[in-house]
């Protein structure tokens, strides 16, 4: 738990540092991000820091496992390995619908 809180704090301060160069045209986007962030639970925020491996050349069992990680742990992203770009697009759309 200490590591998770440390990672969360690090991410928060890194985000604040990135906002220093913000222009006025970014204010709407920042407001949207702040609203979504405020509505997230601590579990969801921590999950957003996690990325998992996803393969686009595996079977339905693997795709279902990735979906369960998205639903159960609120993971922040996927890194695709193997397979074709077309299948990666298909799976990205599928996973995006449930995220």
PDB file of N, CA and C in Angstrom:
ATOM      1  N   UNK A   1       0.817  -1.188   0.000  1.00  0.00           N
ATOM      2  CA  UNK A   1       0.000   0.000   0.000  1.00  0.00           C
ATOM      3  C   UNK A   1       0.865   1.258   0.000  1.00  0.00           C
ATOM      4  N   UNK A   2       1.996   1.219   0.714  1.00  0.00           N
ATOM      5  CA  UNK A   2       2.880   2.383   0.755  1.00  0.00           C
ATOM      6  C   UNK A   2       3.394   2.721  -0.641  1.00  0.00           C
ATOM      7  N   UNK A   3       3.727   1.675  -1.405  1.00  0.00           N
ATOM      8  CA  UNK A   3       4.232   1.902  -2.759  1.00  0.00           C
ATOM      9  C   UNK A   3       3.147   2.535  -3.623  1.00  0.00           C
ATOM     10  N   UNK A   4       1.917   2.055  -3.493  1.00  0.00           N
ATOM     11  CA  UNK A   4       0.815   2.601  -4.283  1.00  0.00           C
ATOM     12  C   UNK A   4       0.584   4.069  -3.968  1.00  0.00           C
ATOM     13  N   UNK A   5       0.601   4.412  -2.694  1.00  0.00           N
ATOM     14  CA  UNK A   5       0.403   5.811  -2.308  1.00  0.00           C
ATOM     15  C   UNK A   5       1.559   6.663  -2.809  1.00  0.00           C
ATOM     16  N   UNK A   6       2.769   6.138  -2.722  1.00  0.00           N
ATOM     17  CA  UNK A   6       3.938   6.860  -3.209  1.00  0.00           C
ATOM     18  C   UNK A   6       3.821   7.099  -4.708  1.00  0.00           C
ATOM     19  N   UNK A   7       3.427   6.071  -5.456  1.00  0.00           N
ATOM     20  CA  UNK A   7       3.241   6.227  -6.898  1.00  0.00           C
ATOM     21  C   UNK A   7       2.158   7.253  -7.212  1.00  0.00           C
ATOM     22  N   UNK A   8       1.088   7.223  -6.456  1.00  0.00           N
ATOM     23  CA  UNK A   8       0.008   8.172  -6.677  1.00  0.00           C
ATOM     24  C   UNK A   8       0.474   9.603  -6.418  1.00  0.00           C
ATOM     25  N   UNK A   9       1.202   9.808  -5.338  1.00  0.00           N
ATOM     26  CA  UNK A   9       1.709  11.143  -5.030  1.00  0.00           C
ATOM     27  C   UNK A   9       2.703  11.614  -6.085  1.00  0.00           C
ATOM     28  N   UNK A  10       3.575  10.720  -6.514  1.00  0.00           N
ATOM     29  CA  UNK A  10       4.536  11.070  -7.565  1.00  0.00           C
ATOM     30  C   UNK A  10       3.801  11.506  -8.829  1.00  0.00           C
ATOM     31  N   UNK A  11       2.778  10.756  -9.207  1.00  0.00           N
ATOM     32  CA  UNK A  11       2.010  11.088 -10.403  1.00  0.00           C
ATOM     33  C   UNK A  11       1.319  12.438 -10.261  1.00  0.00           C
ATOM     34  N   UNK A  12       0.795  12.701  -9.078  1.00  0.00           N
ATOM     35  CA  UNK A  12       0.116  13.973  -8.831  1.00  0.00           C
ATOM     36  C   UNK A  12       1.080  15.147  -8.995  1.00  0.00           C
ATOM     37  N   UNK A  13       2.260  15.040  -8.394  1.00  0.00           N
ATOM     38  CA  UNK A  13       3.222  16.139  -8.491  1.00  0.00           C
ATOM     39  C   UNK A  13       3.789  16.270  -9.905  1.00  0.00           C
ATOM     40  N   UNK A  14       3.930  15.174 -10.599  1.00  0.00           N
ATOM     41  CA  UNK A  14       4.372  15.232 -11.995  1.00  0.00           C
ATOM     42  C   UNK A  14       3.318  15.933 -12.854  1.00  0.00           C
ATOM     43  N   UNK A  15       2.046  15.666 -12.565  1.00  0.00           N
ATOM     44  CA  UNK A  15       0.970  16.320 -13.287  1.00  0.00           C
ATOM     45  C   UNK A  15       0.987  17.827 -13.018  1.00  0.00           C
ATOM     46  N   UNK A  16       1.173  18.210 -11.762  1.00  0.00           N
ATOM     47  CA  UNK A  16       1.229  19.634 -11.429  1.00  0.00           C
ATOM     48  C   UNK A  16       2.392  20.328 -12.131  1.00  0.00           C
ATOM     49  N   UNK A  17       3.518  19.669 -12.199  1.00  0.00           N
ATOM     50  CA  UNK A  17       4.676  20.243 -12.878  1.00  0.00           C
ATOM     51  C   UNK A  17       4.387  20.440 -14.364  1.00  0.00           C
ATOM     52  N   UNK A  18       3.651  19.535 -14.959  1.00  0.00           N
ATOM     53  CA  UNK A  18       3.313  19.633 -16.373  1.00  0.00           C
ATOM     54  C   UNK A  18       2.323  20.749 -16.681  1.00  0.00           C
ATOM     55  N   UNK A  19       1.550  21.180 -15.684  1.00  0.00           N
ATOM     56  CA  UNK A  19       0.553  22.222 -15.904  1.00  0.00           C
ATOM     57  C   UNK A  19       1.159  23.625 -15.959  1.00  0.00           C
ATOM     58  N   UNK A  20       2.398  23.788 -15.558  1.00  0.00           N
ATOM     59  CA  UNK A  20       3.028  25.104 -15.525  1.00  0.00           C
ATOM     60  C   UNK A  20       3.044  25.776 -16.885  1.00  0.00           C
ATOM     61  N   UNK A  21       3.280  25.025 -17.958  1.00  0.00           N
ATOM     62  CA  UNK A  21       3.351  25.596 -19.299  1.00  0.00           C
ATOM     63  C   UNK A  21       2.009  25.641 -20.009  1.00  0.00           C
ATOM     64  N   UNK A  22       0.936  25.521 -19.276  1.00  0.00           N
ATOM     65  CA  UNK A  22      -0.400  25.442 -19.851  1.00  0.00           C
ATOM     66  C   UNK A  22      -0.833  26.776 -20.473  1.00  0.00           C
ATOM     67  N   UNK A  23      -1.516  26.684 -21.604  1.00  0.00           N
ATOM     68  CA  UNK A  23      -2.074  27.872 -22.248  1.00  0.00           C
ATOM     69  C   UNK A  23      -3.565  27.941 -21.956  1.00  0.00           C
ATOM     70  N   UNK A  24      -4.172  29.074 -22.279  1.00  0.00           N
ATOM     71  CA  UNK A  24      -5.600  29.237 -22.002  1.00  0.00           C
ATOM     72  C   UNK A  24      -6.457  28.273 -22.820  1.00  0.00           C
ATOM     73  N   UNK A  25      -5.976  27.852 -23.990  1.00  0.00           N
ATOM     74  CA  UNK A  25      -6.748  26.914 -24.807  1.00  0.00           C
ATOM     75  C   UNK A  25      -6.813  25.528 -24.180  1.00  0.00           C
ATOM     76  N   UNK A  26      -5.923  25.253 -23.231  1.00  0.00           N
ATOM     77  CA  UNK A  26      -5.921  23.966 -22.544  1.00  0.00           C
ATOM     78  C   UNK A  26      -6.866  23.941 -21.345  1.00  0.00           C
ATOM     79  N   UNK A  27      -7.436  25.075 -20.976  1.00  0.00           N
ATOM     80  CA  UNK A  27      -8.213  25.147 -19.739  1.00  0.00           C
ATOM     81  C   UNK A  27      -9.452  24.256 -19.759  1.00  0.00           C
ATOM     82  N   UNK A  28     -10.134  24.131 -20.889  1.00  0.00           N
ATOM     83  CA  UNK A  28     -11.317  23.265 -20.966  1.00  0.00           C
ATOM     84  C   UNK A  28     -10.929  21.806 -20.779  1.00  0.00           C
ATOM     85  N   UNK A  29      -9.833  21.421 -21.402  1.00  0.00           N
ATOM     86  CA  UNK A  29      -9.361  20.042 -21.262  1.00  0.00           C
ATOM     87  C   UNK A  29      -8.936  19.769 -19.820  1.00  0.00           C
ATOM     88  N   UNK A  30      -8.264  20.718 -19.216  1.00  0.00           N
ATOM     89  CA  UNK A  30      -7.824  20.559 -17.828  1.00  0.00           C
ATOM     90  C   UNK A  30      -9.025  20.462 -16.899  1.00  0.00           C
ATOM     91  N   UNK A  31     -10.041  21.266 -17.139  1.00  0.00           N
ATOM     92  CA  UNK A  31     -11.249  21.218 -16.312  1.00  0.00           C
ATOM     93  C   UNK A  31     -11.918  19.849 -16.419  1.00  0.00           C
ATOM     94  N   UNK A  32     -11.961  19.294 -17.631  1.00  0.00           N
ATOM     95  CA  UNK A  32     -12.556  17.972 -17.820  1.00  0.00           C
ATOM     96  C   UNK A  32     -11.757  16.910 -17.065  1.00  0.00           C
ATOM     97  N   UNK A  33     -10.429  16.964 -17.190  1.00  0.00           N
ATOM     98  CA  UNK A  33      -9.574  15.994 -16.499  1.00  0.00           C
ATOM     99  C   UNK A  33      -9.749  16.115 -14.994  1.00  0.00           C
ATOM    100  N   UNK A  34      -9.773  17.331 -14.485  1.00  0.00           N
ATOM    101  CA  UNK A  34      -9.946  17.542 -13.042  1.00  0.00           C
ATOM    102  C   UNK A  34     -11.280  16.986 -12.555  1.00  0.00           C
ATOM    103  N   UNK A  35     -12.333  17.164 -13.353  1.00  0.00           N
ATOM    104  CA  UNK A  35     -13.660  16.656 -12.978  1.00  0.00           C
ATOM    105  C   UNK A  35     -13.646  15.132 -12.909  1.00  0.00           C
ATOM    106  N   UNK A  36     -13.109  14.494 -13.937  1.00  0.00           N
ATOM    107  CA  UNK A  36     -13.051  13.033 -13.962  1.00  0.00           C
ATOM    108  C   UNK A  36     -12.187  12.515 -12.816  1.00  0.00           C
ATOM    109  N   UNK A  37     -11.043  13.144 -12.603  1.00  0.00           N
ATOM    110  CA  UNK A  37     -10.120  12.732 -11.544  1.00  0.00           C
ATOM    111  C   UNK A  37     -10.782  12.830 -10.176  1.00  0.00           C
ATOM    112  N   UNK A  38     -11.532  13.882  -9.935  1.00  0.00           N
ATOM    113  CA  UNK A  38     -12.201  14.069  -8.651  1.00  0.00           C
ATOM    114  C   UNK A  38     -13.269  13.004  -8.398  1.00  0.00           C
ATOM    115  N   UNK A  39     -13.842  12.466  -9.452  1.00  0.00           N
ATOM    116  CA  UNK A  39     -14.898  11.465  -9.317  1.00  0.00           C
ATOM    117  C   UNK A  39     -14.354  10.047  -9.144  1.00  0.00           C
ATOM    118  N   UNK A  40     -13.060   9.850  -9.368  1.00  0.00           N
ATOM    119  CA  UNK A  40     -12.469   8.517  -9.297  1.00  0.00           C
ATOM    120  C   UNK A  40     -12.160   8.123  -7.855  1.00  0.00           C
ATOM    121  N   UNK A  41     -12.336   6.841  -7.558  1.00  0.00           N
ATOM    122  CA  UNK A  41     -11.948   6.317  -6.240  1.00  0.00           C
ATOM    123  C   UNK A  41     -10.435   6.132  -6.212  1.00  0.00           C
ATOM    124  N   UNK A  42      -9.892   5.946  -5.027  1.00  0.00           N
ATOM    125  CA  UNK A  42      -8.456   5.702  -4.901  1.00  0.00           C
ATOM    126  C   UNK A  42      -8.063   4.446  -5.677  1.00  0.00           C
ATOM    127  N   UNK A  43      -8.901   3.414  -5.617  1.00  0.00           N
ATOM    128  CA  UNK A  43      -8.629   2.172  -6.352  1.00  0.00           C
ATOM    129  C   UNK A  43      -8.542   2.426  -7.856  1.00  0.00           C
ATOM    130  N   UNK A  44      -9.449   3.243  -8.377  1.00  0.00           N
ATOM    131  CA  UNK A  44      -9.439   3.564  -9.805  1.00  0.00           C
ATOM    132  C   UNK A  44      -8.206   4.378 -10.185  1.00  0.00           C
ATOM    133  N   UNK A  45      -7.820   5.301  -9.334  1.00  0.00           N
ATOM    134  CA  UNK A  45      -6.629   6.120  -9.604  1.00  0.00           C
ATOM    135  C   UNK A  45      -5.370   5.258  -9.644  1.00  0.00           C
ATOM    136  N   UNK A  46      -5.265   4.343  -8.711  1.00  0.00           N
ATOM    137  CA  UNK A  46      -4.109   3.443  -8.689  1.00  0.00           C
ATOM    138  C   UNK A  46      -4.133   2.536  -9.912  1.00  0.00           C
ATOM    139  N   UNK A  47      -5.299   2.021 -10.264  1.00  0.00           N
ATOM    140  CA  UNK A  47      -5.428   1.174 -11.443  1.00  0.00           C
ATOM    141  C   UNK A  47      -4.994   1.879 -12.714  1.00  0.00           C
ATOM    142  N   UNK A  48      -5.229   3.177 -12.796  1.00  0.00           N
ATOM    143  CA  UNK A  48      -4.846   3.943 -13.980  1.00  0.00           C
ATOM    144  C   UNK A  48      -3.337   4.014 -14.157  1.00  0.00           C
ATOM    145  N   UNK A  49      -2.594   3.740 -13.114  1.00  0.00           N
ATOM    146  CA  UNK A  49      -1.132   3.744 -13.205  1.00  0.00           C
ATOM    147  C   UNK A  49      -0.584   2.440 -13.776  1.00  0.00           C
ATOM    148  N   UNK A  50      -1.419   1.427 -13.892  1.00  0.00           N
ATOM    149  CA  UNK A  50      -0.989   0.099 -14.323  1.00  0.00           C
ATOM    150  C   UNK A  50      -1.239  -0.123 -15.810  1.00  0.00           C
ATOM    151  N   UNK A  51      -0.296  -0.780 -16.445  1.00  0.00           N
ATOM    152  CA  UNK A  51      -0.406  -1.197 -17.849  1.00  0.00           C
ATOM    153  C   UNK A  51      -0.176  -2.691 -17.903  1.00  0.00           C
ATOM    154  N   UNK A  52      -0.880  -3.364 -18.792  1.00  0.00           N
ATOM    155  CA  UNK A  52      -0.690  -4.802 -18.929  1.00  0.00           C
ATOM    156  C   UNK A  52      -0.350  -5.164 -20.370  1.00  0.00           C
ATOM    157  N   UNK A  53       0.183  -6.368 -20.521  1.00  0.00           N
ATOM    158  CA  UNK A  53       0.475  -6.904 -21.852  1.00  0.00           C
ATOM    159  C   UNK A  53      -0.807  -7.473 -22.437  1.00  0.00           C
ATOM    160  N   UNK A  54      -1.007  -7.215 -23.706  1.00  0.00           N
ATOM    161  CA  UNK A  54      -2.156  -7.771 -24.417  1.00  0.00           C
ATOM    162  C   UNK A  54      -1.639  -8.312 -25.749  1.00  0.00           C
ATOM    163  N   UNK A  55      -2.091  -9.482 -26.097  1.00  0.00           N
ATOM    164  CA  UNK A  55      -1.678 -10.115 -27.352  1.00  0.00           C
ATOM    165  C   UNK A  55      -2.862 -10.129 -28.306  1.00  0.00           C
ATOM    166  N   UNK A  56      -2.599  -9.774 -29.548  1.00  0.00           N
ATOM    167  CA  UNK A  56      -3.691  -9.775 -30.527  1.00  0.00           C
ATOM    168  C   UNK A  56      -3.691 -11.035 -31.375  1.00  0.00           C
ATOM    169  N   UNK A  57      -2.853 -11.990 -31.012  1.00  0.00           N
ATOM    170  CA  UNK A  57      -2.833 -13.253 -31.758  1.00  0.00           C
ATOM    171  C   UNK A  57      -3.202 -14.445 -30.867  1.00  0.00           C
ATOM    172  N   UNK A  58      -3.897 -14.175 -29.762  1.00  0.00           N
ATOM    173  CA  UNK A  58      -4.291 -15.245 -28.842  1.00  0.00           C
ATOM    174  C   UNK A  58      -5.765 -15.594 -29.044  1.00  0.00           C
ATOM    175  N   UNK A  59      -6.262 -16.463 -28.178  1.00  0.00           N
ATOM    176  CA  UNK A  59      -7.642 -16.927 -28.295  1.00  0.00           C
ATOM    177  C   UNK A  59      -8.599 -16.092 -27.437  1.00  0.00           C
ATOM    178  N   UNK A  60      -9.861 -16.453 -27.508  1.00  0.00           N
ATOM    179  CA  UNK A  60     -10.905 -15.719 -26.790  1.00  0.00           C
ATOM    180  C   UNK A  60     -10.686 -15.735 -25.278  1.00  0.00           C
ATOM    181  N   UNK A  61     -10.101 -16.799 -24.762  1.00  0.00           N
ATOM    182  CA  UNK A  61      -9.823 -16.887 -23.323  1.00  0.00           C
ATOM    183  C   UNK A  61      -8.898 -15.741 -22.891  1.00  0.00           C
ATOM    184  N   UNK A  62      -7.881 -15.459 -23.684  1.00  0.00           N
ATOM    185  CA  UNK A  62      -6.956 -14.366 -23.378  1.00  0.00           C
ATOM    186  C   UNK A  62      -7.683 -13.025 -23.451  1.00  0.00           C
ATOM    187  N   UNK A  63      -8.498 -12.820 -24.467  1.00  0.00           N
ATOM    188  CA  UNK A  63      -9.224 -11.558 -24.620  1.00  0.00           C
ATOM    189  C   UNK A  63     -10.165 -11.334 -23.438  1.00  0.00           C
ATOM    190  N   UNK A  64     -10.807 -12.403 -22.982  1.00  0.00           N
ATOM    191  CA  UNK A  64     -11.708 -12.306 -21.825  1.00  0.00           C
ATOM    192  C   UNK A  64     -10.922 -11.966 -20.553  1.00  0.00           C
ATOM    193  N   UNK A  65      -9.712 -12.500 -20.425  1.00  0.00           N
ATOM    194  CA  UNK A  65      -8.879 -12.199 -19.260  1.00  0.00           C
ATOM    195  C   UNK A  65      -8.492 -10.719 -19.243  1.00  0.00           C
ATOM    196  N   UNK A  66      -8.125 -10.184 -20.398  1.00  0.00           N
ATOM    197  CA  UNK A  66      -7.802  -8.757 -20.492  1.00  0.00           C
ATOM    198  C   UNK A  66      -9.026  -7.926 -20.113  1.00  0.00           C
ATOM    199  N   UNK A  67     -10.193  -8.311 -20.603  1.00  0.00           N
ATOM    200  CA  UNK A  67     -11.422  -7.601 -20.253  1.00  0.00           C
ATOM    201  C   UNK A  67     -11.662  -7.615 -18.748  1.00  0.00           C
ATOM    202  N   UNK A  68     -11.404  -8.749 -18.106  1.00  0.00           N
ATOM    203  CA  UNK A  68     -11.620  -8.816 -16.657  1.00  0.00           C
ATOM    204  C   UNK A  68     -10.642  -7.900 -15.912  1.00  0.00           C
ATOM    205  N   UNK A  69      -9.407  -7.784 -16.404  1.00  0.00           N
ATOM    206  CA  UNK A  69      -8.457  -6.852 -15.786  1.00  0.00           C
ATOM    207  C   UNK A  69      -8.953  -5.412 -15.919  1.00  0.00           C
ATOM    208  N   UNK A  70      -9.494  -5.082 -17.077  1.00  0.00           N
ATOM    209  CA  UNK A  70     -10.010  -3.724 -17.303  1.00  0.00           C
ATOM    210  C   UNK A  70     -11.155  -3.433 -16.331  1.00  0.00           C
ATOM    211  N   UNK A  71     -12.078  -4.370 -16.213  1.00  0.00           N
ATOM    212  CA  UNK A  71     -13.243  -4.181 -15.347  1.00  0.00           C
ATOM    213  C   UNK A  71     -12.878  -4.217 -13.865  1.00  0.00           C
ATOM    214  N   UNK A  72     -12.066  -5.193 -13.474  1.00  0.00           N
ATOM    215  CA  UNK A  72     -11.795  -5.416 -12.053  1.00  0.00           C
ATOM    216  C   UNK A  72     -10.746  -4.471 -11.466  1.00  0.00           C
ATOM    217  N   UNK A  73      -9.752  -4.107 -12.263  1.00  0.00           N
ATOM    218  CA  UNK A  73      -8.633  -3.334 -11.726  1.00  0.00           C
ATOM    219  C   UNK A  73      -8.524  -1.932 -12.321  1.00  0.00           C
ATOM    220  N   UNK A  74      -9.392  -1.582 -13.255  1.00  0.00           N
ATOM    221  CA  UNK A  74      -9.415  -0.235 -13.848  1.00  0.00           C
ATOM    222  C   UNK A  74      -8.054   0.145 -14.436  1.00  0.00           C
ATOM    223  N   UNK A  75      -7.435  -0.804 -15.117  1.00  0.00           N
ATOM    224  CA  UNK A  75      -6.078  -0.566 -15.623  1.00  0.00           C
ATOM    225  C   UNK A  75      -6.031   0.639 -16.550  1.00  0.00           C
ATOM    226  N   UNK A  76      -4.870   1.267 -16.590  1.00  0.00           N
ATOM    227  CA  UNK A  76      -4.709   2.501 -17.347  1.00  0.00           C
ATOM    228  C   UNK A  76      -4.395   2.308 -18.808  1.00  0.00           C
ATOM    229  N   UNK A  77      -3.877   1.151 -19.193  1.00  0.00           N
ATOM    230  CA  UNK A  77      -3.547   0.977 -20.592  1.00  0.00           C
ATOM    231  C   UNK A  77      -3.057  -0.416 -20.913  1.00  0.00           C
ATOM    232  N   UNK A  78      -2.887  -0.621 -22.195  1.00  0.00           N
ATOM    233  CA  UNK A  78      -2.432  -1.900 -22.731  1.00  0.00           C
ATOM    234  C   UNK A  78      -1.215  -1.673 -23.605  1.00  0.00           C
ATOM    235  N   UNK A  79      -0.346  -2.650 -23.627  1.00  0.00           N
ATOM    236  CA  UNK A  79       0.745  -2.673 -24.594  1.00  0.00           C
ATOM    237  C   UNK A  79       0.559  -3.950 -25.402  1.00  0.00           C
ATOM    238  N   UNK A  80       0.335  -3.793 -26.696  1.00  0.00           N
ATOM    239  CA  UNK A  80       0.090  -4.951 -27.548  1.00  0.00           C
ATOM    240  C   UNK A  80       1.397  -5.590 -27.996  1.00  0.00           C
ATOM    241  N   UNK A  81       1.369  -6.913 -28.043  1.00  0.00           N
ATOM    242  CA  UNK A  81       2.483  -7.706 -28.542  1.00  0.00           C
ATOM    243  C   UNK A  81       1.941  -8.687 -29.574  1.00  0.00           C
ATOM    244  N   UNK A  82       2.700  -8.881 -30.613  1.00  0.00           N
ATOM    245  CA  UNK A  82       2.387  -9.854 -31.661  1.00  0.00           C
ATOM    246  C   UNK A  82       1.061  -9.552 -32.341  1.00  0.00           C
ATOM    247  N   UNK A  83       0.717 -10.328 -33.331  1.00  0.00           N
ATOM    248  CA  UNK A  83      -0.535 -10.132 -34.047  1.00  0.00           C
ATOM    249  C   UNK A  83      -0.443  -9.051 -35.107  1.00  0.00           C
ATOM    250  N   UNK A  84      -1.576  -8.760 -35.705  1.00  0.00           N
ATOM    251  CA  UNK A  84      -1.619  -7.798 -36.807  1.00  0.00           C
ATOM    252  C   UNK A  84      -2.172  -6.451 -36.332  1.00  0.00           C
ATOM    253  N   UNK A  85      -1.837  -5.374 -37.035  1.00  0.00           N
ATOM    254  CA  UNK A  85      -2.398  -4.072 -36.676  1.00  0.00           C
ATOM    255  C   UNK A  85      -3.927  -4.058 -36.739  1.00  0.00           C
ATOM    256  N   UNK A  86      -4.487  -4.754 -37.701  1.00  0.00           N
ATOM    257  CA  UNK A  86      -5.942  -4.800 -37.839  1.00  0.00           C
ATOM    258  C   UNK A  86      -6.597  -5.440 -36.609  1.00  0.00           C
ATOM    259  N   UNK A  87      -6.008  -6.510 -36.127  1.00  0.00           N
ATOM    260  CA  UNK A  87      -6.552  -7.179 -34.943  1.00  0.00           C
ATOM    261  C   UNK A  87      -6.372  -6.299 -33.707  1.00  0.00           C
ATOM    262  N   UNK A  88      -5.268  -5.560 -33.645  1.00  0.00           N
ATOM    263  CA  UNK A  88      -5.052  -4.648 -32.522  1.00  0.00           C
ATOM    264  C   UNK A  88      -6.113  -3.547 -32.507  1.00  0.00           C
ATOM    265  N   UNK A  89      -6.469  -3.040 -33.677  1.00  0.00           N
ATOM    266  CA  UNK A  89      -7.517  -2.022 -33.766  1.00  0.00           C
ATOM    267  C   UNK A  89      -8.839  -2.621 -33.290  1.00  0.00           C
ATOM    268  N   UNK A  90      -9.155  -3.806 -33.757  1.00  0.00           N
ATOM    269  CA  UNK A  90     -10.391  -4.479 -33.352  1.00  0.00           C
ATOM    270  C   UNK A  90     -10.453  -4.645 -31.837  1.00  0.00           C
ATOM    271  N   UNK A  91      -9.346  -5.133 -31.250  1.00  0.00           N
ATOM    272  CA  UNK A  91      -9.323  -5.354 -29.807  1.00  0.00           C
ATOM    273  C   UNK A  91      -9.321  -4.040 -29.027  1.00  0.00           C
ATOM    274  N   UNK A  92      -8.637  -3.041 -29.533  1.00  0.00           N
ATOM    275  CA  UNK A  92      -8.638  -1.735 -28.871  1.00  0.00           C
ATOM    276  C   UNK A  92     -10.059  -1.196 -28.786  1.00  0.00           C
ATOM    277  N   UNK A  93     -10.800  -1.274 -29.869  1.00  0.00           N
ATOM    278  CA  UNK A  93     -12.196  -0.829 -29.875  1.00  0.00           C
ATOM    279  C   UNK A  93     -13.039  -1.651 -28.909  1.00  0.00           C
ATOM    280  N   UNK A  94     -12.812  -2.931 -28.877  1.00  0.00           N
ATOM    281  CA  UNK A  94     -13.567  -3.826 -27.980  1.00  0.00           C
ATOM    282  C   UNK A  94     -13.279  -3.468 -26.515  1.00  0.00           C
ATOM    283  N   UNK A  95     -12.004  -3.308 -26.188  1.00  0.00           N
ATOM    284  CA  UNK A  95     -11.641  -3.002 -24.814  1.00  0.00           C
ATOM    285  C   UNK A  95     -12.070  -1.587 -24.421  1.00  0.00           C
ATOM    286  N   UNK A  96     -12.018  -0.668 -25.348  1.00  0.00           N
ATOM    287  CA  UNK A  96     -12.409   0.718 -25.067  1.00  0.00           C
ATOM    288  C   UNK A  96     -13.895   0.798 -24.689  1.00  0.00           C
ATOM    289  N   UNK A  97     -14.708  -0.043 -25.314  1.00  0.00           N
ATOM    290  CA  UNK A  97     -16.142  -0.027 -25.015  1.00  0.00           C
ATOM    291  C   UNK A  97     -16.434  -0.396 -23.573  1.00  0.00           C
ATOM    292  N   UNK A  98     -15.622  -1.250 -22.984  1.00  0.00           N
ATOM    293  CA  UNK A  98     -15.894  -1.683 -21.608  1.00  0.00           C
ATOM    294  C   UNK A  98     -15.110  -0.895 -20.568  1.00  0.00           C
ATOM    295  N   UNK A  99     -14.212  -0.043 -21.006  1.00  0.00           N
ATOM    296  CA  UNK A  99     -13.390   0.683 -20.026  1.00  0.00           C
ATOM    297  C   UNK A  99     -14.143   1.833 -19.385  1.00  0.00           C
TER     298      UNK A  99
END
